[in-house]
Amino acid sequence: MTSPRPRRVRVVPDGPLLVEGPVELVTDDGETVTSDRFVVAVCTCRRSKRYPLCDTSHRERVRVDQG
């Protein structure tokens, strides 16, 4: 028997984590969110109205470099 292929997670700069699905996510308050999609976008900026799933809300806000 061969071992299963590891789940792939891709980090998108200034965007979500893309996870090969299906997935089950457990939020910090214990809520379980499931998705049967083949790739799931997980929000990292917490601006999503569908958090923990990404709805691309991060695109609406322009990041200003402070330097």
PDB file of N, CA and C in Angstrom:
ATOM      1  N   MET A   1       0.847  -1.185   0.000  1.00  0.00           N
ATOM      2  CA  MET A   1       0.000   0.000   0.000  1.00  0.00           C
ATOM      3  C   MET A   1       0.889   1.245   0.000  1.00  0.00           C
ATOM      4  N   THR A   2       0.590   2.171  -0.868  1.00  0.00           N
ATOM      5  CA  THR A   2       1.367   3.406  -0.932  1.00  0.00           C
ATOM      6  C   THR A   2       0.789   4.441   0.022  1.00  0.00           C
ATOM      7  N   SER A   3       1.650   5.299   0.518  1.00  0.00           N
ATOM      8  CA  SER A   3       1.170   6.347   1.422  1.00  0.00           C
ATOM      9  C   SER A   3       0.490   7.439   0.600  1.00  0.00           C
ATOM     10  N   PRO A   4      -0.531   8.091   1.173  1.00  0.00           N
ATOM     11  CA  PRO A   4      -1.236   9.138   0.435  1.00  0.00           C
ATOM     12  C   PRO A   4      -0.322  10.327   0.168  1.00  0.00           C
ATOM     13  N   ARG A   5      -0.582  10.992  -0.939  1.00  0.00           N
ATOM     14  CA  ARG A   5       0.181  12.193  -1.285  1.00  0.00           C
ATOM     15  C   ARG A   5      -0.115  13.292  -0.271  1.00  0.00           C
ATOM     16  N   PRO A   6       0.900  14.055   0.152  1.00  0.00           N
ATOM     17  CA  PRO A   6       0.634  15.126   1.112  1.00  0.00           C
ATOM     18  C   PRO A   6      -0.289  16.189   0.520  1.00  0.00           C
ATOM     19  N   ARG A   7      -1.079  16.800   1.375  1.00  0.00           N
ATOM     20  CA  ARG A   7      -1.982  17.881   0.967  1.00  0.00           C
ATOM     21  C   ARG A   7      -1.138  19.088   0.608  1.00  0.00           C
ATOM     22  N   ARG A   8      -1.423  19.723  -0.511  1.00  0.00           N
ATOM     23  CA  ARG A   8      -0.646  20.875  -0.957  1.00  0.00           C
ATOM     24  C   ARG A   8      -1.306  22.163  -0.478  1.00  0.00           C
ATOM     25  N   VAL A   9      -0.498  23.070   0.098  1.00  0.00           N
ATOM     26  CA  VAL A   9      -0.953  24.389   0.534  1.00  0.00           C
ATOM     27  C   VAL A   9      -0.054  25.407  -0.155  1.00  0.00           C
ATOM     28  N   ARG A  10      -0.674  26.371  -0.846  1.00  0.00           N
ATOM     29  CA  ARG A  10       0.106  27.395  -1.549  1.00  0.00           C
ATOM     30  C   ARG A  10      -0.163  28.739  -0.890  1.00  0.00           C
ATOM     31  N   VAL A  11       0.895  29.462  -0.560  1.00  0.00           N
ATOM     32  CA  VAL A  11       0.790  30.791   0.042  1.00  0.00           C
ATOM     33  C   VAL A  11       0.766  31.813  -1.091  1.00  0.00           C
ATOM     34  N   VAL A  12      -0.271  32.661  -1.118  1.00  0.00           N
ATOM     35  CA  VAL A  12      -0.395  33.714  -2.110  1.00  0.00           C
ATOM     36  C   VAL A  12      -0.012  35.033  -1.441  1.00  0.00           C
ATOM     37  N   PRO A  13       1.034  35.718  -1.931  1.00  0.00           N
ATOM     38  CA  PRO A  13       1.430  36.982  -1.311  1.00  0.00           C
ATOM     39  C   PRO A  13       0.259  37.972  -1.273  1.00  0.00           C
ATOM     40  N   ASP A  14       0.028  38.562  -0.110  1.00  0.00           N
ATOM     41  CA  ASP A  14      -1.079  39.505   0.105  1.00  0.00           C
ATOM     42  C   ASP A  14      -2.430  38.889  -0.239  1.00  0.00           C
ATOM     43  N   GLY A  15      -2.551  37.593  -0.100  1.00  0.00           N
ATOM     44  CA  GLY A  15      -3.799  36.910  -0.426  1.00  0.00           C
ATOM     45  C   GLY A  15      -4.041  35.731   0.499  1.00  0.00           C
ATOM     46  N   PRO A  16      -4.876  34.807   0.056  1.00  0.00           N
ATOM     47  CA  PRO A  16      -5.251  33.674   0.893  1.00  0.00           C
ATOM     48  C   PRO A  16      -4.240  32.538   0.828  1.00  0.00           C
ATOM     49  N   LEU A  17      -4.471  31.526   1.640  1.00  0.00           N
ATOM     50  CA  LEU A  17      -3.798  30.244   1.508  1.00  0.00           C
ATOM     51  C   LEU A  17      -4.679  29.392   0.606  1.00  0.00           C
ATOM     52  N   LEU A  18      -4.114  28.778  -0.406  1.00  0.00           N
ATOM     53  CA  LEU A  18      -4.869  27.885  -1.278  1.00  0.00           C
ATOM     54  C   LEU A  18      -4.558  26.459  -0.859  1.00  0.00           C
ATOM     55  N   VAL A  19      -5.600  25.721  -0.462  1.00  0.00           N
ATOM     56  CA  VAL A  19      -5.449  24.373   0.072  1.00  0.00           C
ATOM     57  C   VAL A  19      -6.177  23.400  -0.842  1.00  0.00           C
ATOM     58  N   GLU A  20      -5.497  22.306  -1.211  1.00  0.00           N
ATOM     59  CA  GLU A  20      -6.184  21.267  -1.979  1.00  0.00           C
ATOM     60  C   GLU A  20      -7.284  20.689  -1.116  1.00  0.00           C
ATOM     61  N   GLY A  21      -8.486  20.633  -1.670  1.00  0.00           N
ATOM     62  CA  GLY A  21      -9.644  20.155  -0.923  1.00  0.00           C
ATOM     63  C   GLY A  21      -9.940  18.713  -1.228  1.00  0.00           C
ATOM     64  N   PRO A  22     -10.992  18.204  -0.646  1.00  0.00           N
ATOM     65  CA  PRO A  22     -11.885  18.872   0.293  1.00  0.00           C
ATOM     66  C   PRO A  22     -11.196  19.092   1.644  1.00  0.00           C
ATOM     67  N   VAL A  23     -11.707  20.071   2.397  1.00  0.00           N
ATOM     68  CA  VAL A  23     -11.114  20.393   3.692  1.00  0.00           C
ATOM     69  C   VAL A  23     -12.178  20.586   4.759  1.00  0.00           C
ATOM     70  N   GLU A  24     -11.733  20.452   5.984  1.00  0.00           N
ATOM     71  CA  GLU A  24     -12.541  20.778   7.153  1.00  0.00           C
ATOM     72  C   GLU A  24     -11.693  21.742   7.968  1.00  0.00           C
ATOM     73  N   LEU A  25     -12.204  22.959   8.189  1.00  0.00           N
ATOM     74  CA  LEU A  25     -11.488  23.991   8.940  1.00  0.00           C
ATOM     75  C   LEU A  25     -12.142  24.164  10.297  1.00  0.00           C
ATOM     76  N   VAL A  26     -11.340  24.294  11.329  1.00  0.00           N
ATOM     77  CA  VAL A  26     -11.852  24.561  12.670  1.00  0.00           C
ATOM     78  C   VAL A  26     -11.365  25.951  13.060  1.00  0.00           C
ATOM     79  N   THR A  27     -12.305  26.873  13.330  1.00  0.00           N
ATOM     80  CA  THR A  27     -11.964  28.245  13.675  1.00  0.00           C
ATOM     81  C   THR A  27     -11.528  28.346  15.131  1.00  0.00           C
ATOM     82  N   ASP A  28     -11.013  29.508  15.511  1.00  0.00           N
ATOM     83  CA  ASP A  28     -10.535  29.703  16.874  1.00  0.00           C
ATOM     84  C   ASP A  28     -11.636  29.603  17.921  1.00  0.00           C
ATOM     85  N   ASP A  29     -12.911  29.789  17.506  1.00  0.00           N
ATOM     86  CA  ASP A  29     -14.013  29.638  18.465  1.00  0.00           C
ATOM     87  C   ASP A  29     -14.643  28.237  18.416  1.00  0.00           C
ATOM     88  N   GLY A  30     -14.004  27.314  17.666  1.00  0.00           N
ATOM     89  CA  GLY A  30     -14.459  25.927  17.643  1.00  0.00           C
ATOM     90  C   GLY A  30     -15.450  25.581  16.549  1.00  0.00           C
ATOM     91  N   GLU A  31     -15.875  26.555  15.747  1.00  0.00           N
ATOM     92  CA  GLU A  31     -16.805  26.294  14.652  1.00  0.00           C
ATOM     93  C   GLU A  31     -16.085  25.485  13.573  1.00  0.00           C
ATOM     94  N   THR A  32     -16.779  24.490  13.007  1.00  0.00           N
ATOM     95  CA  THR A  32     -16.220  23.685  11.926  1.00  0.00           C
ATOM     96  C   THR A  32     -16.856  24.104  10.610  1.00  0.00           C
ATOM     97  N   VAL A  33     -16.008  24.411   9.626  1.00  0.00           N
ATOM     98  CA  VAL A  33     -16.453  24.820   8.297  1.00  0.00           C
ATOM     99  C   VAL A  33     -15.887  23.799   7.310  1.00  0.00           C
ATOM    100  N   THR A  34     -16.739  23.234   6.460  1.00  0.00           N
ATOM    101  CA  THR A  34     -16.280  22.252   5.492  1.00  0.00           C
ATOM    102  C   THR A  34     -16.476  22.773   4.073  1.00  0.00           C
ATOM    103  N   SER A  35     -15.616  22.319   3.169  1.00  0.00           N
ATOM    104  CA  SER A  35     -15.727  22.655   1.761  1.00  0.00           C
ATOM    105  C   SER A  35     -15.323  21.435   0.945  1.00  0.00           C
ATOM    106  N   ASP A  36     -16.126  21.099  -0.042  1.00  0.00           N
ATOM    107  CA  ASP A  36     -15.843  19.971  -0.914  1.00  0.00           C
ATOM    108  C   ASP A  36     -15.145  20.388  -2.199  1.00  0.00           C
ATOM    109  N   ARG A  37     -14.801  21.654  -2.332  1.00  0.00           N
ATOM    110  CA  ARG A  37     -14.141  22.139  -3.547  1.00  0.00           C
ATOM    111  C   ARG A  37     -12.764  21.506  -3.691  1.00  0.00           C
ATOM    112  N   PHE A  38     -12.252  21.443  -4.919  1.00  0.00           N
ATOM    113  CA  PHE A  38     -10.937  20.822  -5.139  1.00  0.00           C
ATOM    114  C   PHE A  38      -9.793  21.735  -4.701  1.00  0.00           C
ATOM    115  N   VAL A  39     -10.028  23.062  -4.661  1.00  0.00           N
ATOM    116  CA  VAL A  39      -9.081  24.016  -4.081  1.00  0.00           C
ATOM    117  C   VAL A  39      -9.891  24.993  -3.244  1.00  0.00           C
ATOM    118  N   VAL A  40      -9.448  25.199  -2.018  1.00  0.00           N
ATOM    119  CA  VAL A  40     -10.160  26.072  -1.088  1.00  0.00           C
ATOM    120  C   VAL A  40      -9.258  27.248  -0.727  1.00  0.00           C
ATOM    121  N   ALA A  41      -9.792  28.474  -0.817  1.00  0.00           N
ATOM    122  CA  ALA A  41      -9.053  29.675  -0.439  1.00  0.00           C
ATOM    123  C   ALA A  41      -9.372  30.007   1.012  1.00  0.00           C
ATOM    124  N   VAL A  42      -8.357  29.953   1.853  1.00  0.00           N
ATOM    125  CA  VAL A  42      -8.516  30.231   3.282  1.00  0.00           C
ATOM    126  C   VAL A  42      -8.026  31.653   3.543  1.00  0.00           C
ATOM    127  N   CYS A  43      -8.889  32.482   4.117  1.00  0.00           N
ATOM    128  CA  CYS A  43      -8.597  33.882   4.377  1.00  0.00           C
ATOM    129  C   CYS A  43      -7.502  34.020   5.429  1.00  0.00           C
ATOM    130  N   THR A  44      -6.537  34.897   5.160  1.00  0.00           N
ATOM    131  CA  THR A  44      -5.485  35.183   6.138  1.00  0.00           C
ATOM    132  C   THR A  44      -5.541  36.617   6.650  1.00  0.00           C
ATOM    133  N   CYS A  45      -6.386  37.457   6.029  1.00  0.00           N
ATOM    134  CA  CYS A  45      -6.443  38.867   6.430  1.00  0.00           C
ATOM    135  C   CYS A  45      -7.633  39.166   7.351  1.00  0.00           C
ATOM    136  N   ARG A  46      -8.549  38.223   7.489  1.00  0.00           N
ATOM    137  CA  ARG A  46      -9.748  38.335   8.331  1.00  0.00           C
ATOM    138  C   ARG A  46     -10.726  39.408   7.847  1.00  0.00           C
ATOM    139  N   ARG A  47     -10.624  39.865   6.601  1.00  0.00           N
ATOM    140  CA  ARG A  47     -11.572  40.839   6.062  1.00  0.00           C
ATOM    141  C   ARG A  47     -12.759  40.172   5.385  1.00  0.00           C
ATOM    142  N   SER A  48     -12.683  38.873   5.170  1.00  0.00           N
ATOM    143  CA  SER A  48     -13.716  38.153   4.442  1.00  0.00           C
ATOM    144  C   SER A  48     -15.030  38.127   5.216  1.00  0.00           C
ATOM    145  N   LYS A  49     -16.118  38.342   4.504  1.00  0.00           N
ATOM    146  CA  LYS A  49     -17.445  38.202   5.118  1.00  0.00           C
ATOM    147  C   LYS A  49     -17.796  36.730   5.283  1.00  0.00           C
ATOM    148  N   ARG A  50     -17.032  35.842   4.634  1.00  0.00           N
ATOM    149  CA  ARG A  50     -17.248  34.402   4.712  1.00  0.00           C
ATOM    150  C   ARG A  50     -16.140  33.722   5.515  1.00  0.00           C
ATOM    151  N   TYR A  51     -15.423  34.474   6.359  1.00  0.00           N
ATOM    152  CA  TYR A  51     -14.286  33.945   7.107  1.00  0.00           C
ATOM    153  C   TYR A  51     -14.669  32.638   7.793  1.00  0.00           C
ATOM    154  N   PRO A  52     -13.864  31.603   7.722  1.00  0.00           N
ATOM    155  CA  PRO A  52     -12.458  31.530   7.344  1.00  0.00           C
ATOM    156  C   PRO A  52     -12.212  31.327   5.845  1.00  0.00           C
ATOM    157  N   LEU A  53     -13.271  31.292   5.041  1.00  0.00           N
ATOM    158  CA  LEU A  53     -13.093  31.165   3.599  1.00  0.00           C
ATOM    159  C   LEU A  53     -12.914  32.549   2.990  1.00  0.00           C
ATOM    160  N   CYS A  54     -12.064  32.654   1.988  1.00  0.00           N
ATOM    161  CA  CYS A  54     -11.768  33.930   1.354  1.00  0.00           C
ATOM    162  C   CYS A  54     -12.873  34.318   0.375  1.00  0.00           C
ATOM    163  N   ASP A  55     -13.256  35.592   0.395  1.00  0.00           N
ATOM    164  CA  ASP A  55     -14.215  36.122  -0.592  1.00  0.00           C
ATOM    165  C   ASP A  55     -13.575  37.259  -1.397  1.00  0.00           C
ATOM    166  N   THR A  56     -12.269  37.357  -1.386  1.00  0.00           N
ATOM    167  CA  THR A  56     -11.443  38.363  -2.070  1.00  0.00           C
ATOM    168  C   THR A  56     -11.619  39.778  -1.523  1.00  0.00           C
ATOM    169  N   SER A  57     -12.126  39.938  -0.318  1.00  0.00           N
ATOM    170  CA  SER A  57     -12.261  41.261   0.296  1.00  0.00           C
ATOM    171  C   SER A  57     -10.916  41.954   0.456  1.00  0.00           C
ATOM    172  N   HIS A  58      -9.825  41.189   0.535  1.00  0.00           N
ATOM    173  CA  HIS A  58      -8.498  41.786   0.695  1.00  0.00           C
ATOM    174  C   HIS A  58      -8.128  42.653  -0.507  1.00  0.00           C
ATOM    175  N   ARG A  59      -8.751  42.436  -1.642  1.00  0.00           N
ATOM    176  CA  ARG A  59      -8.443  43.221  -2.846  1.00  0.00           C
ATOM    177  C   ARG A  59      -8.974  44.641  -2.767  1.00  0.00           C
ATOM    178  N   GLU A  60     -10.003  44.871  -1.960  1.00  0.00           N
ATOM    179  CA  GLU A  60     -10.641  46.189  -1.872  1.00  0.00           C
ATOM    180  C   GLU A  60      -9.781  47.216  -1.154  1.00  0.00           C
ATOM    181  N   ARG A  61      -8.879  46.779  -0.331  1.00  0.00           N
ATOM    182  CA  ARG A  61      -8.088  47.677   0.495  1.00  0.00           C
ATOM    183  C   ARG A  61      -6.677  47.779  -0.053  1.00  0.00           C
ATOM    184  N   VAL A  62      -6.234  48.964  -0.327  1.00  0.00           N
ATOM    185  CA  VAL A  62      -4.900  49.191  -0.856  1.00  0.00           C
ATOM    186  C   VAL A  62      -3.936  49.314   0.302  1.00  0.00           C
ATOM    187  N   ARG A  63      -2.872  48.559   0.249  1.00  0.00           N
ATOM    188  CA  ARG A  63      -1.864  48.587   1.299  1.00  0.00           C
ATOM    189  C   ARG A  63      -0.888  49.720   1.018  1.00  0.00           C
ATOM    190  N   VAL A  64      -0.609  50.553   2.024  1.00  0.00           N
ATOM    191  CA  VAL A  64       0.294  51.682   1.879  1.00  0.00           C
ATOM    192  C   VAL A  64       1.598  51.330   2.587  1.00  0.00           C
ATOM    193  N   ASP A  65       2.710  51.433   1.859  1.00  0.00           N
ATOM    194  CA  ASP A  65       4.019  51.183   2.483  1.00  0.00           C
ATOM    195  C   ASP A  65       4.343  52.299   3.461  1.00  0.00           C
ATOM    196  N   GLN A  66       4.741  51.910   4.658  1.00  0.00           N
ATOM    197  CA  GLN A  66       5.128  52.886   5.661  1.00  0.00           C
ATOM    198  C   GLN A  66       6.640  52.795   5.828  1.00  0.00           C
ATOM    199  N   GLY A  67       7.350  53.777   5.386  1.00  0.00           N
ATOM    200  CA  GLY A  67       8.796  53.645   5.457  1.00  0.00           C
ATOM    201  C   GLY A  67       9.524  54.886   5.730  1.00  0.00           C
TER     202      GLY A  67
END
